[in-house]
Amino acid sequence: MKTEKSMKFTGLNDHHYHLYPHDIFYVEADNICSWIICEGQAIHVSHPILFMEKLLPDYFLRIHRSFLVNQYSITALYPHTVMMSNGFRLPVPKSKYQWLKSYLEDTGFSTGYPQSGK
C-alpha cells in the first residue's frame, strides 16, 4: 500500500480525528450518519455511508447496504459473513456474496474455509 495522507473527521461529539484510511476496519451506516470503526475506537460522524464510500480509497468495498469494509481487514469470507481482523463478523447478503468472493480471489485472497487441525 502506498503512503497515504491522513483524513480529518469531526465526530458528532465535536472532537477532531486524523485517521489514515488503512487504519479503518469498516464504516457502518447509521441512518444519515455513519460510524467509523478503527482499532480501539468508534467515531460517529455526520456523513452518510454513500459520502464515505466516495471519500475513502477504492480498497473499501460496499459489501452490504450498511457496511463499507477495508478489504485488507477481511480475514475470512463465509457464505453469509465476513470476519474482520478486529474479530467482528459483518453480514454479506446472498446478492453480494459471489461478487465479493470473486473480487477477493482476483486480488489473491484465499476464500477457502480454514482447515481444522488434525
N, C-alpha and C. Protein backbone atom coordinates (compact mmCIF):
# COMPACT_ATOMS: atom_id res chain seq x y z
N MET A 1 0.84 -1.17 0.00
CA MET A 1 0.00 0.00 0.00
C MET A 1 0.89 1.24 0.00
N LYS A 2 0.61 2.16 -0.88
CA LYS A 2 1.42 3.37 -0.93
C LYS A 2 1.14 4.25 0.28
N THR A 3 2.01 5.21 0.50
CA THR A 3 1.85 6.11 1.63
C THR A 3 0.59 6.94 1.44
N GLU A 4 -0.21 6.97 2.48
CA GLU A 4 -1.47 7.70 2.42
C GLU A 4 -1.41 8.92 3.34
N LYS A 5 -2.20 9.89 3.00
CA LYS A 5 -2.34 11.06 3.86
C LYS A 5 -3.46 10.78 4.85
N SER A 6 -3.34 11.38 6.02
CA SER A 6 -4.41 11.24 6.99
C SER A 6 -5.62 12.05 6.53
N MET A 7 -6.77 11.65 7.02
CA MET A 7 -8.01 12.34 6.70
C MET A 7 -8.55 12.93 7.99
N LYS A 8 -9.17 14.07 7.88
CA LYS A 8 -9.74 14.73 9.05
C LYS A 8 -11.23 14.45 9.12
N PHE A 9 -11.68 14.08 10.30
CA PHE A 9 -13.10 13.86 10.56
C PHE A 9 -13.46 14.59 11.83
N THR A 10 -14.67 15.11 11.87
CA THR A 10 -15.20 15.69 13.10
C THR A 10 -16.34 14.80 13.54
N GLY A 11 -16.23 14.27 14.74
CA GLY A 11 -17.28 13.42 15.27
C GLY A 11 -18.48 14.24 15.70
N LEU A 12 -19.59 13.56 15.92
CA LEU A 12 -20.79 14.26 16.38
C LEU A 12 -20.57 14.86 17.76
N ASN A 13 -19.53 14.40 18.45
CA ASN A 13 -19.18 14.95 19.77
C ASN A 13 -18.26 16.17 19.65
N ASP A 14 -18.05 16.64 18.42
CA ASP A 14 -17.20 17.80 18.10
C ASP A 14 -15.71 17.57 18.31
N HIS A 15 -15.29 16.33 18.58
CA HIS A 15 -13.86 16.02 18.62
C HIS A 15 -13.36 15.90 17.19
N HIS A 16 -12.11 16.26 17.00
CA HIS A 16 -11.48 16.18 15.68
C HIS A 16 -10.56 14.97 15.65
N TYR A 17 -10.61 14.22 14.56
CA TYR A 17 -9.83 12.99 14.41
C TYR A 17 -9.03 13.07 13.12
N HIS A 18 -7.79 12.62 13.18
CA HIS A 18 -6.95 12.47 12.00
C HIS A 18 -6.72 10.97 11.85
N LEU A 19 -7.26 10.39 10.79
CA LEU A 19 -7.17 8.95 10.59
C LEU A 19 -6.53 8.65 9.25
N TYR A 20 -5.76 7.58 9.22
CA TYR A 20 -5.28 7.05 7.95
C TYR A 20 -6.31 6.03 7.49
N PRO A 21 -6.71 6.07 6.23
CA PRO A 21 -7.72 5.12 5.75
C PRO A 21 -7.37 3.67 6.06
N HIS A 22 -6.09 3.29 5.97
CA HIS A 22 -5.74 1.89 6.21
C HIS A 22 -5.92 1.48 7.66
N ASP A 23 -6.14 2.43 8.57
CA ASP A 23 -6.40 2.12 9.98
C ASP A 23 -7.89 1.90 10.26
N ILE A 24 -8.73 2.14 9.28
CA ILE A 24 -10.17 1.96 9.43
C ILE A 24 -10.53 0.52 9.06
N PHE A 25 -11.21 -0.19 9.96
CA PHE A 25 -11.67 -1.55 9.66
C PHE A 25 -12.89 -1.50 8.74
N TYR A 26 -13.87 -0.70 9.15
CA TYR A 26 -15.08 -0.59 8.34
C TYR A 26 -15.87 0.65 8.74
N VAL A 27 -16.85 0.97 7.90
CA VAL A 27 -17.77 2.07 8.16
C VAL A 27 -19.17 1.46 8.17
N GLU A 28 -19.93 1.82 9.18
CA GLU A 28 -21.30 1.31 9.30
C GLU A 28 -22.30 2.45 9.20
N ALA A 29 -23.31 2.28 8.36
CA ALA A 29 -24.36 3.28 8.20
C ALA A 29 -25.19 3.38 9.47
N ASP A 30 -25.58 4.58 9.80
CA ASP A 30 -26.47 4.84 10.93
C ASP A 30 -27.42 5.95 10.50
N ASN A 31 -28.45 5.55 9.76
CA ASN A 31 -29.41 6.47 9.20
C ASN A 31 -28.67 7.46 8.29
N ILE A 32 -28.67 8.75 8.58
CA ILE A 32 -27.96 9.71 7.73
C ILE A 32 -26.55 10.00 8.23
N CYS A 33 -26.12 9.25 9.22
CA CYS A 33 -24.77 9.38 9.78
C CYS A 33 -24.03 8.06 9.55
N SER A 34 -22.80 7.98 10.01
CA SER A 34 -22.02 6.74 9.91
C SER A 34 -21.15 6.58 11.14
N TRP A 35 -20.79 5.34 11.40
CA TRP A 35 -19.80 5.00 12.42
C TRP A 35 -18.53 4.57 11.69
N ILE A 36 -17.40 5.15 12.08
CA ILE A 36 -16.10 4.72 11.56
C ILE A 36 -15.49 3.86 12.65
N ILE A 37 -15.20 2.60 12.31
CA ILE A 37 -14.68 1.66 13.29
C ILE A 37 -13.19 1.45 13.04
N CYS A 38 -12.39 1.80 14.04
CA CYS A 38 -10.94 1.67 14.00
C CYS A 38 -10.50 0.87 15.22
N GLU A 39 -9.23 0.60 15.32
CA GLU A 39 -8.69 -0.09 16.49
C GLU A 39 -8.95 0.75 17.74
N GLY A 40 -9.72 0.22 18.66
CA GLY A 40 -9.93 0.88 19.94
C GLY A 40 -10.88 2.06 19.95
N GLN A 41 -11.52 2.37 18.84
CA GLN A 41 -12.46 3.49 18.84
C GLN A 41 -13.51 3.37 17.75
N ALA A 42 -14.65 3.93 18.06
CA ALA A 42 -15.75 4.05 17.10
C ALA A 42 -16.11 5.53 17.06
N ILE A 43 -16.08 6.09 15.87
CA ILE A 43 -16.29 7.53 15.71
C ILE A 43 -17.60 7.74 14.96
N HIS A 44 -18.50 8.48 15.58
CA HIS A 44 -19.80 8.77 14.98
C HIS A 44 -19.67 10.09 14.20
N VAL A 45 -19.85 10.03 12.89
CA VAL A 45 -19.72 11.22 12.05
C VAL A 45 -21.04 11.53 11.35
N SER A 46 -21.19 12.77 10.92
CA SER A 46 -22.45 13.21 10.33
C SER A 46 -22.58 12.88 8.84
N HIS A 47 -21.64 12.14 8.28
CA HIS A 47 -21.67 11.82 6.85
C HIS A 47 -22.40 10.50 6.59
N PRO A 48 -23.28 10.48 5.58
CA PRO A 48 -23.91 9.20 5.21
C PRO A 48 -22.90 8.25 4.57
N ILE A 49 -23.21 6.98 4.55
CA ILE A 49 -22.27 5.98 4.04
C ILE A 49 -21.95 6.21 2.57
N LEU A 50 -22.88 6.72 1.79
CA LEU A 50 -22.61 7.00 0.38
C LEU A 50 -21.50 8.04 0.23
N PHE A 51 -21.51 9.06 1.06
CA PHE A 51 -20.46 10.06 1.06
C PHE A 51 -19.12 9.42 1.45
N MET A 52 -19.15 8.57 2.48
CA MET A 52 -17.93 7.91 2.95
C MET A 52 -17.36 7.00 1.85
N GLU A 53 -18.24 6.35 1.11
CA GLU A 53 -17.80 5.47 0.02
C GLU A 53 -17.05 6.26 -1.05
N LYS A 54 -17.49 7.46 -1.34
CA LYS A 54 -16.81 8.30 -2.33
C LYS A 54 -15.52 8.90 -1.78
N LEU A 55 -15.47 9.12 -0.49
CA LEU A 55 -14.34 9.76 0.16
C LEU A 55 -13.16 8.80 0.37
N LEU A 56 -13.44 7.56 0.72
CA LEU A 56 -12.39 6.60 1.05
C LEU A 56 -11.79 5.96 -0.20
N PRO A 57 -10.56 5.42 -0.09
CA PRO A 57 -9.90 4.79 -1.25
C PRO A 57 -10.69 3.59 -1.78
N ASP A 58 -10.35 3.17 -2.99
CA ASP A 58 -11.11 2.11 -3.66
C ASP A 58 -10.90 0.73 -3.05
N TYR A 59 -10.05 0.57 -2.06
CA TYR A 59 -9.95 -0.73 -1.40
C TYR A 59 -11.01 -0.89 -0.31
N PHE A 60 -11.89 0.09 -0.18
CA PHE A 60 -13.06 -0.06 0.68
C PHE A 60 -14.20 -0.59 -0.19
N LEU A 61 -14.78 -1.68 0.23
CA LEU A 61 -15.79 -2.38 -0.56
C LEU A 61 -17.15 -2.29 0.11
N ARG A 62 -18.16 -2.03 -0.67
CA ARG A 62 -19.54 -1.98 -0.16
C ARG A 62 -20.08 -3.40 -0.19
N ILE A 63 -20.02 -4.08 0.93
CA ILE A 63 -20.44 -5.48 1.00
C ILE A 63 -21.90 -5.64 1.41
N HIS A 64 -22.52 -4.54 1.78
CA HIS A 64 -23.89 -4.57 2.31
C HIS A 64 -24.37 -3.12 2.27
N ARG A 65 -25.67 -2.92 2.25
CA ARG A 65 -26.15 -1.54 2.20
C ARG A 65 -25.71 -0.73 3.42
N SER A 66 -25.38 -1.42 4.51
CA SER A 66 -24.97 -0.72 5.74
C SER A 66 -23.49 -0.81 6.06
N PHE A 67 -22.70 -1.51 5.24
CA PHE A 67 -21.29 -1.71 5.58
C PHE A 67 -20.36 -1.46 4.40
N LEU A 68 -19.33 -0.70 4.68
CA LEU A 68 -18.25 -0.40 3.76
C LEU A 68 -16.98 -0.89 4.46
N VAL A 69 -16.31 -1.90 3.91
CA VAL A 69 -15.20 -2.52 4.63
C VAL A 69 -13.86 -2.32 3.93
N ASN A 70 -12.83 -2.25 4.73
CA ASN A 70 -11.46 -2.21 4.24
C ASN A 70 -11.11 -3.64 3.83
N GLN A 71 -10.90 -3.88 2.55
CA GLN A 71 -10.66 -5.25 2.09
C GLN A 71 -9.45 -5.88 2.75
N TYR A 72 -8.48 -5.06 3.19
CA TYR A 72 -7.28 -5.60 3.82
C TYR A 72 -7.52 -5.98 5.28
N SER A 73 -8.70 -5.67 5.80
CA SER A 73 -9.06 -6.07 7.16
C SER A 73 -9.92 -7.33 7.18
N ILE A 74 -10.24 -7.86 6.01
CA ILE A 74 -11.02 -9.10 5.94
C ILE A 74 -10.08 -10.27 6.17
N THR A 75 -10.41 -11.13 7.13
CA THR A 75 -9.57 -12.30 7.40
C THR A 75 -10.21 -13.59 6.91
N ALA A 76 -11.54 -13.62 6.77
CA ALA A 76 -12.22 -14.82 6.28
C ALA A 76 -13.55 -14.43 5.65
N LEU A 77 -13.95 -15.20 4.66
CA LEU A 77 -15.24 -14.99 4.00
C LEU A 77 -16.04 -16.27 4.10
N TYR A 78 -17.26 -16.14 4.59
CA TYR A 78 -18.19 -17.25 4.69
C TYR A 78 -19.43 -16.88 3.90
N PRO A 79 -20.31 -17.85 3.59
CA PRO A 79 -21.46 -17.53 2.75
C PRO A 79 -22.34 -16.36 3.21
N HIS A 80 -22.44 -16.12 4.48
CA HIS A 80 -23.30 -15.02 4.94
C HIS A 80 -22.56 -13.97 5.76
N THR A 81 -21.25 -14.13 5.91
CA THR A 81 -20.50 -13.19 6.75
C THR A 81 -19.05 -13.05 6.30
N VAL A 82 -18.46 -11.92 6.70
CA VAL A 82 -17.01 -11.75 6.60
C VAL A 82 -16.51 -11.61 8.03
N MET A 83 -15.34 -12.15 8.27
CA MET A 83 -14.67 -11.98 9.55
C MET A 83 -13.63 -10.89 9.36
N MET A 84 -13.66 -9.92 10.24
CA MET A 84 -12.72 -8.80 10.17
C MET A 84 -11.55 -9.05 11.12
N SER A 85 -10.44 -8.38 10.87
CA SER A 85 -9.24 -8.58 11.69
C SER A 85 -9.43 -8.12 13.13
N ASN A 86 -10.47 -7.33 13.40
CA ASN A 86 -10.75 -6.95 14.78
C ASN A 86 -11.69 -7.95 15.47
N GLY A 87 -12.01 -9.06 14.78
CA GLY A 87 -12.86 -10.10 15.35
C GLY A 87 -14.33 -9.92 15.08
N PHE A 88 -14.74 -8.81 14.51
CA PHE A 88 -16.15 -8.59 14.22
C PHE A 88 -16.56 -9.40 13.00
N ARG A 89 -17.79 -9.83 13.02
CA ARG A 89 -18.39 -10.51 11.87
C ARG A 89 -19.44 -9.58 11.29
N LEU A 90 -19.38 -9.37 9.98
CA LEU A 90 -20.32 -8.48 9.31
C LEU A 90 -21.12 -9.27 8.29
N PRO A 91 -22.38 -8.92 8.09
CA PRO A 91 -23.23 -9.66 7.16
C PRO A 91 -22.87 -9.43 5.70
N VAL A 92 -23.03 -10.48 4.91
CA VAL A 92 -22.90 -10.40 3.46
C VAL A 92 -24.18 -11.02 2.88
N PRO A 93 -25.01 -10.22 2.22
CA PRO A 93 -26.23 -10.77 1.64
C PRO A 93 -25.91 -11.71 0.48
N LYS A 94 -26.83 -12.61 0.21
CA LYS A 94 -26.65 -13.56 -0.91
C LYS A 94 -26.32 -12.85 -2.21
N SER A 95 -26.94 -11.71 -2.44
CA SER A 95 -26.74 -10.97 -3.69
C SER A 95 -25.33 -10.41 -3.83
N LYS A 96 -24.59 -10.27 -2.75
CA LYS A 96 -23.23 -9.72 -2.80
C LYS A 96 -22.15 -10.79 -2.62
N TYR A 97 -22.52 -11.95 -2.11
CA TYR A 97 -21.52 -12.96 -1.76
C TYR A 97 -20.65 -13.38 -2.95
N GLN A 98 -21.25 -13.77 -4.07
CA GLN A 98 -20.47 -14.26 -5.21
C GLN A 98 -19.57 -13.17 -5.77
N TRP A 99 -20.08 -11.94 -5.85
CA TRP A 99 -19.26 -10.82 -6.30
C TRP A 99 -18.05 -10.63 -5.38
N LEU A 100 -18.28 -10.63 -4.08
CA LEU A 100 -17.21 -10.42 -3.12
C LEU A 100 -16.19 -11.56 -3.17
N LYS A 101 -16.67 -12.78 -3.27
CA LYS A 101 -15.79 -13.95 -3.35
C LYS A 101 -14.89 -13.84 -4.59
N SER A 102 -15.48 -13.54 -5.74
CA SER A 102 -14.71 -13.40 -6.98
C SER A 102 -13.72 -12.24 -6.89
N TYR A 103 -14.16 -11.14 -6.35
CA TYR A 103 -13.28 -9.97 -6.22
C TYR A 103 -12.08 -10.30 -5.35
N LEU A 104 -12.32 -10.89 -4.21
CA LEU A 104 -11.23 -11.22 -3.29
C LEU A 104 -10.28 -12.26 -3.90
N GLU A 105 -10.82 -13.26 -4.58
CA GLU A 105 -9.97 -14.26 -5.23
C GLU A 105 -9.10 -13.61 -6.30
N ASP A 106 -9.66 -12.66 -7.05
CA ASP A 106 -8.90 -11.96 -8.09
C ASP A 106 -7.75 -11.13 -7.51
N THR A 107 -7.88 -10.74 -6.26
CA THR A 107 -6.82 -9.95 -5.62
C THR A 107 -5.85 -10.83 -4.83
N GLY A 108 -6.02 -12.16 -4.91
CA GLY A 108 -5.09 -13.06 -4.25
C GLY A 108 -5.51 -13.53 -2.88
N PHE A 109 -6.67 -13.13 -2.41
CA PHE A 109 -7.17 -13.54 -1.12
C PHE A 109 -7.73 -14.95 -1.24
N SER A 110 -7.37 -15.82 -0.32
CA SER A 110 -7.91 -17.17 -0.33
C SER A 110 -9.26 -17.17 0.35
N THR A 111 -10.30 -17.58 -0.37
CA THR A 111 -11.64 -17.60 0.21
C THR A 111 -12.03 -18.99 0.67
N GLY A 112 -11.09 -19.91 0.69
CA GLY A 112 -11.38 -21.25 1.20
C GLY A 112 -11.59 -21.22 2.68
N TYR A 113 -12.37 -22.16 3.18
CA TYR A 113 -12.61 -22.24 4.61
C TYR A 113 -11.34 -22.71 5.31
N PRO A 114 -11.06 -22.19 6.50
CA PRO A 114 -9.90 -22.66 7.25
C PRO A 114 -10.00 -24.15 7.53
N GLN A 115 -8.88 -24.84 7.40
CA GLN A 115 -8.86 -26.28 7.66
C GLN A 115 -8.72 -26.51 9.16
N SER A 116 -9.44 -27.48 9.68
CA SER A 116 -9.30 -27.79 11.10
C SER A 116 -8.03 -28.61 11.29
N GLY A 117 -7.33 -28.35 12.37
CA GLY A 117 -6.09 -29.06 12.66
C GLY A 117 -6.36 -30.49 13.10
N LYS A 118 -5.63 -31.45 12.55
CA LYS A 118 -5.83 -32.85 12.93
C LYS A 118 -4.55 -33.42 13.44
